[in-house]
Amino acid sequence: MGDLLLRGIDDSLKKQLQANANMHGRSLSDEAIALLRQSLGRQQDGSKSAGQRLRAVLGAEKLSEEEIEAINAFRNAPDRDPPHFE
């Protein structure tokens, strides 16, 4: 594993990072690594469409004919009347 040295970090940023680390029960280094992984993961996911991200979560799940019919019935159902308040 490699090492990374960060210089010139504001004291307030370091305090905030330490507070987050304490809250999550991690060391300062482990918290920084977790935040870097989280941030880089978001950037990579940002290049994918919403459908692609959803497919990655759901996998190759296919809806049954009954589920598709229920979705279509819901989509085509008339809107209900809004409630009346007196």
PDB file of N, CA and C in Angstrom:
ATOM      1  N   MET A   1       0.838  -1.178   0.000  1.00  0.00           N
ATOM      2  CA  MET A   1       0.000   0.000   0.000  1.00  0.00           C
ATOM      3  C   MET A   1       0.882   1.239   0.000  1.00  0.00           C
ATOM      4  N   GLY A   2       0.438   2.241  -0.691  1.00  0.00           N
ATOM      5  CA  GLY A   2       1.182   3.487  -0.753  1.00  0.00           C
ATOM      6  C   GLY A   2       0.789   4.438   0.355  1.00  0.00           C
ATOM      7  N   ASP A   3       1.573   5.476   0.472  1.00  0.00           N
ATOM      8  CA  ASP A   3       1.305   6.530   1.451  1.00  0.00           C
ATOM      9  C   ASP A   3       0.996   7.821   0.713  1.00  0.00           C
ATOM     10  N   LEU A   4       0.238   8.685   1.351  1.00  0.00           N
ATOM     11  CA  LEU A   4      -0.106   9.984   0.794  1.00  0.00           C
ATOM     12  C   LEU A   4       0.049  11.016   1.900  1.00  0.00           C
ATOM     13  N   LEU A   5       0.811  12.047   1.621  1.00  0.00           N
ATOM     14  CA  LEU A   5       1.027  13.121   2.591  1.00  0.00           C
ATOM     15  C   LEU A   5       0.338  14.368   2.070  1.00  0.00           C
ATOM     16  N   LEU A   6      -0.544  14.937   2.857  1.00  0.00           N
ATOM     17  CA  LEU A   6      -1.248  16.158   2.475  1.00  0.00           C
ATOM     18  C   LEU A   6      -0.689  17.314   3.286  1.00  0.00           C
ATOM     19  N   ARG A   7      -0.297  18.367   2.609  1.00  0.00           N
ATOM     20  CA  ARG A   7       0.253  19.544   3.285  1.00  0.00           C
ATOM     21  C   ARG A   7      -0.690  20.729   3.078  1.00  0.00           C
ATOM     22  N   GLY A   8      -0.605  21.681   3.974  1.00  0.00           N
ATOM     23  CA  GLY A   8      -1.352  22.927   3.820  1.00  0.00           C
ATOM     24  C   GLY A   8      -2.839  22.803   4.086  1.00  0.00           C
ATOM     25  N   ILE A   9      -3.238  21.870   4.920  1.00  0.00           N
ATOM     26  CA  ILE A   9      -4.654  21.703   5.251  1.00  0.00           C
ATOM     27  C   ILE A   9      -5.028  22.713   6.331  1.00  0.00           C
ATOM     28  N   ASP A  10      -6.116  23.434   6.117  1.00  0.00           N
ATOM     29  CA  ASP A  10      -6.604  24.387   7.118  1.00  0.00           C
ATOM     30  C   ASP A  10      -6.905  23.668   8.427  1.00  0.00           C
ATOM     31  N   ASP A  11      -6.652  24.362   9.528  1.00  0.00           N
ATOM     32  CA  ASP A  11      -6.933  23.780  10.843  1.00  0.00           C
ATOM     33  C   ASP A  11      -8.407  23.424  10.987  1.00  0.00           C
ATOM     34  N   SER A  12      -9.286  24.273  10.438  1.00  0.00           N
ATOM     35  CA  SER A  12     -10.722  24.008  10.556  1.00  0.00           C
ATOM     36  C   SER A  12     -11.105  22.746   9.780  1.00  0.00           C
ATOM     37  N   LEU A  13     -10.488  22.531   8.630  1.00  0.00           N
ATOM     38  CA  LEU A  13     -10.772  21.329   7.847  1.00  0.00           C
ATOM     39  C   LEU A  13     -10.282  20.087   8.583  1.00  0.00           C
ATOM     40  N   LYS A  14      -9.106  20.180   9.172  1.00  0.00           N
ATOM     41  CA  LYS A  14      -8.571  19.047   9.928  1.00  0.00           C
ATOM     42  C   LYS A  14      -9.448  18.737  11.135  1.00  0.00           C
ATOM     43  N   LYS A  15      -9.941  19.771  11.820  1.00  0.00           N
ATOM     44  CA  LYS A  15     -10.826  19.561  12.964  1.00  0.00           C
ATOM     45  C   LYS A  15     -12.131  18.900  12.529  1.00  0.00           C
ATOM     46  N   GLN A  16     -12.647  19.347  11.402  1.00  0.00           N
ATOM     47  CA  GLN A  16     -13.889  18.767  10.890  1.00  0.00           C
ATOM     48  C   GLN A  16     -13.676  17.300  10.511  1.00  0.00           C
ATOM     49  N   LEU A  17     -12.552  17.008   9.875  1.00  0.00           N
ATOM     50  CA  LEU A  17     -12.225  15.634   9.509  1.00  0.00           C
ATOM     51  C   LEU A  17     -12.066  14.769  10.757  1.00  0.00           C
ATOM     52  N   GLN A  18     -11.415  15.307  11.777  1.00  0.00           N
ATOM     53  CA  GLN A  18     -11.234  14.563  13.028  1.00  0.00           C
ATOM     54  C   GLN A  18     -12.572  14.317  13.711  1.00  0.00           C
ATOM     55  N   ALA A  19     -13.465  15.315  13.679  1.00  0.00           N
ATOM     56  CA  ALA A  19     -14.792  15.146  14.276  1.00  0.00           C
ATOM     57  C   ALA A  19     -15.569  14.051  13.548  1.00  0.00           C
ATOM     58  N   ASN A  20     -15.499  14.047  12.221  1.00  0.00           N
ATOM     59  CA  ASN A  20     -16.166  12.996  11.444  1.00  0.00           C
ATOM     60  C   ASN A  20     -15.572  11.631  11.766  1.00  0.00           C
ATOM     61  N   ALA A  21     -14.248  11.582  11.871  1.00  0.00           N
ATOM     62  CA  ALA A  21     -13.582  10.319  12.199  1.00  0.00           C
ATOM     63  C   ALA A  21     -14.045   9.806  13.557  1.00  0.00           C
ATOM     64  N   ASN A  22     -14.117  10.686  14.536  1.00  0.00           N
ATOM     65  CA  ASN A  22     -14.583  10.293  15.871  1.00  0.00           C
ATOM     66  C   ASN A  22     -16.016   9.789  15.822  1.00  0.00           C
ATOM     67  N   MET A  23     -16.853  10.471  15.054  1.00  0.00           N
ATOM     68  CA  MET A  23     -18.255  10.093  14.947  1.00  0.00           C
ATOM     69  C   MET A  23     -18.402   8.702  14.323  1.00  0.00           C
ATOM     70  N   HIS A  24     -17.535   8.378  13.367  1.00  0.00           N
ATOM     71  CA  HIS A  24     -17.605   7.088  12.680  1.00  0.00           C
ATOM     72  C   HIS A  24     -16.715   6.025  13.320  1.00  0.00           C
ATOM     73  N   GLY A  25     -16.021   6.388  14.395  1.00  0.00           N
ATOM     74  CA  GLY A  25     -15.161   5.424  15.071  1.00  0.00           C
ATOM     75  C   GLY A  25     -13.943   5.027  14.255  1.00  0.00           C
ATOM     76  N   ARG A  26     -13.406   5.986  13.502  1.00  0.00           N
ATOM     77  CA  ARG A  26     -12.248   5.713  12.649  1.00  0.00           C
ATOM     78  C   ARG A  26     -11.094   6.621  13.031  1.00  0.00           C
ATOM     79  N   SER A  27      -9.920   6.244  12.562  1.00  0.00           N
ATOM     80  CA  SER A  27      -8.764   7.125  12.709  1.00  0.00           C
ATOM     81  C   SER A  27      -8.886   8.251  11.688  1.00  0.00           C
ATOM     82  N   LEU A  28      -8.079   9.269  11.870  1.00  0.00           N
ATOM     83  CA  LEU A  28      -8.072  10.387  10.928  1.00  0.00           C
ATOM     84  C   LEU A  28      -7.729   9.895   9.526  1.00  0.00           C
ATOM     85  N   SER A  29      -6.735   9.044   9.414  1.00  0.00           N
ATOM     86  CA  SER A  29      -6.332   8.504   8.108  1.00  0.00           C
ATOM     87  C   SER A  29      -7.436   7.661   7.484  1.00  0.00           C
ATOM     88  N   ASP A  30      -8.062   6.796   8.285  1.00  0.00           N
ATOM     89  CA  ASP A  30      -9.135   5.950   7.756  1.00  0.00           C
ATOM     90  C   ASP A  30     -10.322   6.781   7.287  1.00  0.00           C
ATOM     91  N   GLU A  31     -10.623   7.854   8.009  1.00  0.00           N
ATOM     92  CA  GLU A  31     -11.725   8.735   7.599  1.00  0.00           C
ATOM     93  C   GLU A  31     -11.399   9.419   6.282  1.00  0.00           C
ATOM     94  N   ALA A  32     -10.162   9.893   6.135  1.00  0.00           N
ATOM     95  CA  ALA A  32      -9.754  10.543   4.889  1.00  0.00           C
ATOM     96  C   ALA A  32      -9.830   9.564   3.725  1.00  0.00           C
ATOM     97  N   ILE A  33      -9.395   8.330   3.937  1.00  0.00           N
ATOM     98  CA  ILE A  33      -9.456   7.311   2.887  1.00  0.00           C
ATOM     99  C   ILE A  33     -10.905   7.026   2.509  1.00  0.00           C
ATOM    100  N   ALA A  34     -11.784   6.896   3.508  1.00  0.00           N
ATOM    101  CA  ALA A  34     -13.200   6.629   3.237  1.00  0.00           C
ATOM    102  C   ALA A  34     -13.820   7.756   2.423  1.00  0.00           C
ATOM    103  N   LEU A  35     -13.500   9.000   2.768  1.00  0.00           N
ATOM    104  CA  LEU A  35     -14.048  10.143   2.037  1.00  0.00           C
ATOM    105  C   LEU A  35     -13.502  10.207   0.614  1.00  0.00           C
ATOM    106  N   LEU A  36     -12.237   9.887   0.439  1.00  0.00           N
ATOM    107  CA  LEU A  36     -11.665   9.852  -0.911  1.00  0.00           C
ATOM    108  C   LEU A  36     -12.339   8.780  -1.759  1.00  0.00           C
ATOM    109  N   ARG A  37     -12.514   7.599  -1.191  1.00  0.00           N
ATOM    110  CA  ARG A  37     -13.183   6.518  -1.936  1.00  0.00           C
ATOM    111  C   ARG A  37     -14.607   6.908  -2.306  1.00  0.00           C
ATOM    112  N   GLN A  38     -15.315   7.490  -1.355  1.00  0.00           N
ATOM    113  CA  GLN A  38     -16.699   7.906  -1.591  1.00  0.00           C
ATOM    114  C   GLN A  38     -16.756   8.953  -2.695  1.00  0.00           C
ATOM    115  N   SER A  39     -15.878   9.927  -2.644  1.00  0.00           N
ATOM    116  CA  SER A  39     -15.861  11.000  -3.631  1.00  0.00           C
ATOM    117  C   SER A  39     -15.507  10.478  -5.011  1.00  0.00           C
ATOM    118  N   LEU A  40     -14.500   9.639  -5.096  1.00  0.00           N
ATOM    119  CA  LEU A  40     -14.095   9.099  -6.390  1.00  0.00           C
ATOM    120  C   LEU A  40     -15.163   8.183  -6.962  1.00  0.00           C
ATOM    121  N   GLY A  41     -15.856   7.454  -6.106  1.00  0.00           N
ATOM    122  CA  GLY A  41     -16.946   6.601  -6.569  1.00  0.00           C
ATOM    123  C   GLY A  41     -18.076   7.406  -7.166  1.00  0.00           C
ATOM    124  N   ARG A  42     -18.382   8.548  -6.566  1.00  0.00           N
ATOM    125  CA  ARG A  42     -19.436   9.417  -7.102  1.00  0.00           C
ATOM    126  C   ARG A  42     -19.053   9.966  -8.459  1.00  0.00           C
ATOM    127  N   GLN A  43     -17.800  10.355  -8.619  1.00  0.00           N
ATOM    128  CA  GLN A  43     -17.356  10.898  -9.901  1.00  0.00           C
ATOM    129  C   GLN A  43     -17.474   9.851 -10.991  1.00  0.00           C
ATOM    130  N   GLN A  44     -17.105   8.623 -10.691  1.00  0.00           N
ATOM    131  CA  GLN A  44     -17.196   7.569 -11.690  1.00  0.00           C
ATOM    132  C   GLN A  44     -18.646   7.267 -12.023  1.00  0.00           C
ATOM    133  N   ASP A  45     -19.517   7.252 -11.011  1.00  0.00           N
ATOM    134  CA  ASP A  45     -20.931   6.991 -11.251  1.00  0.00           C
ATOM    135  C   ASP A  45     -21.594   8.134 -12.004  1.00  0.00           C
ATOM    136  N   GLY A  46     -21.053   9.346 -11.893  1.00  0.00           N
ATOM    137  CA  GLY A  46     -21.645  10.499 -12.550  1.00  0.00           C
ATOM    138  C   GLY A  46     -21.615  10.413 -14.059  1.00  0.00           C
ATOM    139  N   SER A  47     -20.721   9.593 -14.609  1.00  0.00           N
ATOM    140  CA  SER A  47     -20.642   9.463 -16.056  1.00  0.00           C
ATOM    141  C   SER A  47     -21.685   8.489 -16.588  1.00  0.00           C
ATOM    142  N   LYS A  48     -22.338   7.761 -15.700  1.00  0.00           N
ATOM    143  CA  LYS A  48     -23.351   6.799 -16.114  1.00  0.00           C
ATOM    144  C   LYS A  48     -24.734   7.446 -16.049  1.00  0.00           C
ATOM    145  N   SER A  49     -25.623   6.963 -16.882  1.00  0.00           N
ATOM    146  CA  SER A  49     -26.995   7.462 -16.846  1.00  0.00           C
ATOM    147  C   SER A  49     -27.713   6.875 -15.633  1.00  0.00           C
ATOM    148  N   ALA A  50     -28.844   7.440 -15.307  1.00  0.00           N
ATOM    149  CA  ALA A  50     -29.624   6.946 -14.171  1.00  0.00           C
ATOM    150  C   ALA A  50     -30.033   5.496 -14.402  1.00  0.00           C
ATOM    151  N   GLY A  51     -30.392   5.176 -15.616  1.00  0.00           N
ATOM    152  CA  GLY A  51     -30.767   3.798 -15.941  1.00  0.00           C
ATOM    153  C   GLY A  51     -29.616   2.826 -15.753  1.00  0.00           C
ATOM    154  N   GLN A  52     -28.416   3.238 -16.155  1.00  0.00           N
ATOM    155  CA  GLN A  52     -27.243   2.379 -15.982  1.00  0.00           C
ATOM    156  C   GLN A  52     -26.925   2.168 -14.509  1.00  0.00           C
ATOM    157  N   ARG A  53     -27.048   3.232 -13.700  1.00  0.00           N
ATOM    158  CA  ARG A  53     -26.795   3.091 -12.265  1.00  0.00           C
ATOM    159  C   ARG A  53     -27.839   2.184 -11.619  1.00  0.00           C
ATOM    160  N   LEU A  54     -29.090   2.316 -12.041  1.00  0.00           N
ATOM    161  CA  LEU A  54     -30.148   1.471 -11.509  1.00  0.00           C
ATOM    162  C   LEU A  54     -29.921   0.017 -11.904  1.00  0.00           C
ATOM    163  N   ARG A  55     -29.522  -0.219 -13.137  1.00  0.00           N
ATOM    164  CA  ARG A  55     -29.246  -1.578 -13.598  1.00  0.00           C
ATOM    165  C   ARG A  55     -28.091  -2.181 -12.792  1.00  0.00           C
ATOM    166  N   ALA A  56     -27.089  -1.369 -12.442  1.00  0.00           N
ATOM    167  CA  ALA A  56     -25.960  -1.862 -11.651  1.00  0.00           C
ATOM    168  C   ALA A  56     -26.425  -2.311 -10.269  1.00  0.00           C
ATOM    169  N   VAL A  57     -27.427  -1.628  -9.720  1.00  0.00           N
ATOM    170  CA  VAL A  57     -27.943  -1.991  -8.402  1.00  0.00           C
ATOM    171  C   VAL A  57     -28.851  -3.215  -8.497  1.00  0.00           C
ATOM    172  N   LEU A  58     -29.728  -3.224  -9.489  1.00  0.00           N
ATOM    173  CA  LEU A  58     -30.719  -4.291  -9.603  1.00  0.00           C
ATOM    174  C   LEU A  58     -30.194  -5.521 -10.324  1.00  0.00           C
ATOM    175  N   GLY A  59     -29.129  -5.363 -11.089  1.00  0.00           N
ATOM    176  CA  GLY A  59     -28.607  -6.487 -11.854  1.00  0.00           C
ATOM    177  C   GLY A  59     -29.505  -6.779 -13.035  1.00  0.00           C
ATOM    178  N   ALA A  60     -29.604  -8.023 -13.370  1.00  0.00           N
ATOM    179  CA  ALA A  60     -30.366  -8.429 -14.552  1.00  0.00           C
ATOM    180  C   ALA A  60     -31.798  -8.813 -14.192  1.00  0.00           C
ATOM    181  N   GLU A  61     -32.333  -8.246 -13.134  1.00  0.00           N
ATOM    182  CA  GLU A  61     -33.702  -8.548 -12.719  1.00  0.00           C
ATOM    183  C   GLU A  61     -34.675  -8.195 -13.836  1.00  0.00           C
ATOM    184  N   LYS A  62     -35.610  -9.073 -14.056  1.00  0.00           N
ATOM    185  CA  LYS A  62     -36.651  -8.841 -15.055  1.00  0.00           C
ATOM    186  C   LYS A  62     -37.994  -8.797 -14.340  1.00  0.00           C
ATOM    187  N   LEU A  63     -38.850  -7.901 -14.797  1.00  0.00           N
ATOM    188  CA  LEU A  63     -40.193  -7.821 -14.233  1.00  0.00           C
ATOM    189  C   LEU A  63     -41.062  -8.906 -14.851  1.00  0.00           C
ATOM    190  N   SER A  64     -41.962  -9.443 -14.056  1.00  0.00           N
ATOM    191  CA  SER A  64     -42.907 -10.427 -14.576  1.00  0.00           C
ATOM    192  C   SER A  64     -43.976  -9.698 -15.380  1.00  0.00           C
ATOM    193  N   GLU A  65     -44.718 -10.448 -16.167  1.00  0.00           N
ATOM    194  CA  GLU A  65     -45.809  -9.859 -16.951  1.00  0.00           C
ATOM    195  C   GLU A  65     -46.834  -9.202 -16.028  1.00  0.00           C
ATOM    196  N   GLU A  66     -47.111  -9.831 -14.896  1.00  0.00           N
ATOM    197  CA  GLU A  66     -48.069  -9.265 -13.939  1.00  0.00           C
ATOM    198  C   GLU A  66     -47.578  -7.926 -13.406  1.00  0.00           C
ATOM    199  N   GLU A  67     -46.283  -7.834 -13.104  1.00  0.00           N
ATOM    200  CA  GLU A  67     -45.728  -6.583 -12.596  1.00  0.00           C
ATOM    201  C   GLU A  67     -45.794  -5.486 -13.653  1.00  0.00           C
ATOM    202  N   ILE A  68     -45.491  -5.839 -14.890  1.00  0.00           N
ATOM    203  CA  ILE A  68     -45.553  -4.865 -15.982  1.00  0.00           C
ATOM    204  C   ILE A  68     -46.982  -4.389 -16.186  1.00  0.00           C
ATOM    205  N   GLU A  69     -47.943  -5.313 -16.144  1.00  0.00           N
ATOM    206  CA  GLU A  69     -49.350  -4.936 -16.295  1.00  0.00           C
ATOM    207  C   GLU A  69     -49.796  -4.023 -15.153  1.00  0.00           C
ATOM    208  N   ALA A  70     -49.359  -4.309 -13.937  1.00  0.00           N
ATOM    209  CA  ALA A  70     -49.729  -3.475 -12.790  1.00  0.00           C
ATOM    210  C   ALA A  70     -49.147  -2.072 -12.935  1.00  0.00           C
ATOM    211  N   ILE A  71     -47.921  -1.973 -13.410  1.00  0.00           N
ATOM    212  CA  ILE A  71     -47.299  -0.662 -13.623  1.00  0.00           C
ATOM    213  C   ILE A  71     -48.054   0.108 -14.693  1.00  0.00           C
ATOM    214  N   ASN A  72     -48.375  -0.549 -15.797  1.00  0.00           N
ATOM    215  CA  ASN A  72     -49.111   0.117 -16.875  1.00  0.00           C
ATOM    216  C   ASN A  72     -50.499   0.541 -16.422  1.00  0.00           C
ATOM    217  N   ALA A  73     -51.162  -0.285 -15.629  1.00  0.00           N
ATOM    218  CA  ALA A  73     -52.489   0.076 -15.119  1.00  0.00           C
ATOM    219  C   ALA A  73     -52.394   1.303 -14.225  1.00  0.00           C
ATOM    220  N   PHE A  74     -51.383   1.362 -13.396  1.00  0.00           N
ATOM    221  CA  PHE A  74     -51.192   2.514 -12.517  1.00  0.00           C
ATOM    222  C   PHE A  74     -50.918   3.768 -13.338  1.00  0.00           C
ATOM    223  N   ARG A  75     -50.077   3.648 -14.361  1.00  0.00           N
ATOM    224  CA  ARG A  75     -49.747   4.802 -15.201  1.00  0.00           C
ATOM    225  C   ARG A  75     -50.965   5.324 -15.954  1.00  0.00           C
ATOM    226  N   ASN A  76     -51.832   4.411 -16.377  1.00  0.00           N
ATOM    227  CA  ASN A  76     -52.980   4.802 -17.194  1.00  0.00           C
ATOM    228  C   ASN A  76     -54.229   5.104 -16.380  1.00  0.00           C
ATOM    229  N   ALA A  77     -54.178   4.897 -15.081  1.00  0.00           N
ATOM    230  CA  ALA A  77     -55.345   5.152 -14.236  1.00  0.00           C
ATOM    231  C   ALA A  77     -55.598   6.653 -14.154  1.00  0.00           C
ATOM    232  N   PRO A  78     -56.876   7.044 -14.123  1.00  0.00           N
ATOM    233  CA  PRO A  78     -57.168   8.476 -13.991  1.00  0.00           C
ATOM    234  C   PRO A  78     -56.725   8.976 -12.620  1.00  0.00           C
ATOM    235  N   ASP A  79     -56.344  10.222 -12.592  1.00  0.00           N
ATOM    236  CA  ASP A  79     -55.950  10.820 -11.318  1.00  0.00           C
ATOM    237  C   ASP A  79     -57.163  10.894 -10.406  1.00  0.00           C
ATOM    238  N   ARG A  80     -56.927  10.686  -9.134  1.00  0.00           N
ATOM    239  CA  ARG A  80     -58.037  10.790  -8.190  1.00  0.00           C
ATOM    240  C   ARG A  80     -58.301  12.263  -7.908  1.00  0.00           C
ATOM    241  N   ASP A  81     -59.505  12.548  -7.472  1.00  0.00           N
ATOM    242  CA  ASP A  81     -59.850  13.921  -7.133  1.00  0.00           C
ATOM    243  C   ASP A  81     -59.066  14.355  -5.904  1.00  0.00           C
ATOM    244  N   PRO A  82     -58.621  15.591  -5.897  1.00  0.00           N
ATOM    245  CA  PRO A  82     -57.910  16.066  -4.709  1.00  0.00           C
ATOM    246  C   PRO A  82     -58.875  16.151  -3.530  1.00  0.00           C
ATOM    247  N   PRO A  83     -58.378  16.030  -2.320  1.00  0.00           N
ATOM    248  CA  PRO A  83     -59.261  16.114  -1.152  1.00  0.00           C
ATOM    249  C   PRO A  83     -59.832  17.518  -1.008  1.00  0.00           C
ATOM    250  N   HIS A  84     -61.052  17.579  -0.473  1.00  0.00           N
ATOM    251  CA  HIS A  84     -61.702  18.875  -0.237  1.00  0.00           C
ATOM    252  C   HIS A  84     -61.624  19.189   1.252  1.00  0.00           C
ATOM    253  N   PHE A  85     -61.145  20.368   1.556  1.00  0.00           N
ATOM    254  CA  PHE A  85     -61.046  20.798   2.946  1.00  0.00           C
ATOM    255  C   PHE A  85     -62.054  21.918   3.171  1.00  0.00           C
ATOM    256  N   GLU A  86     -62.779  21.816   4.246  1.00  0.00           N
ATOM    257  CA  GLU A  86     -63.781  22.840   4.518  1.00  0.00           C
ATOM    258  C   GLU A  86     -63.423  23.626   5.737  1.00  0.00           C
TER     259      GLU A  86
END
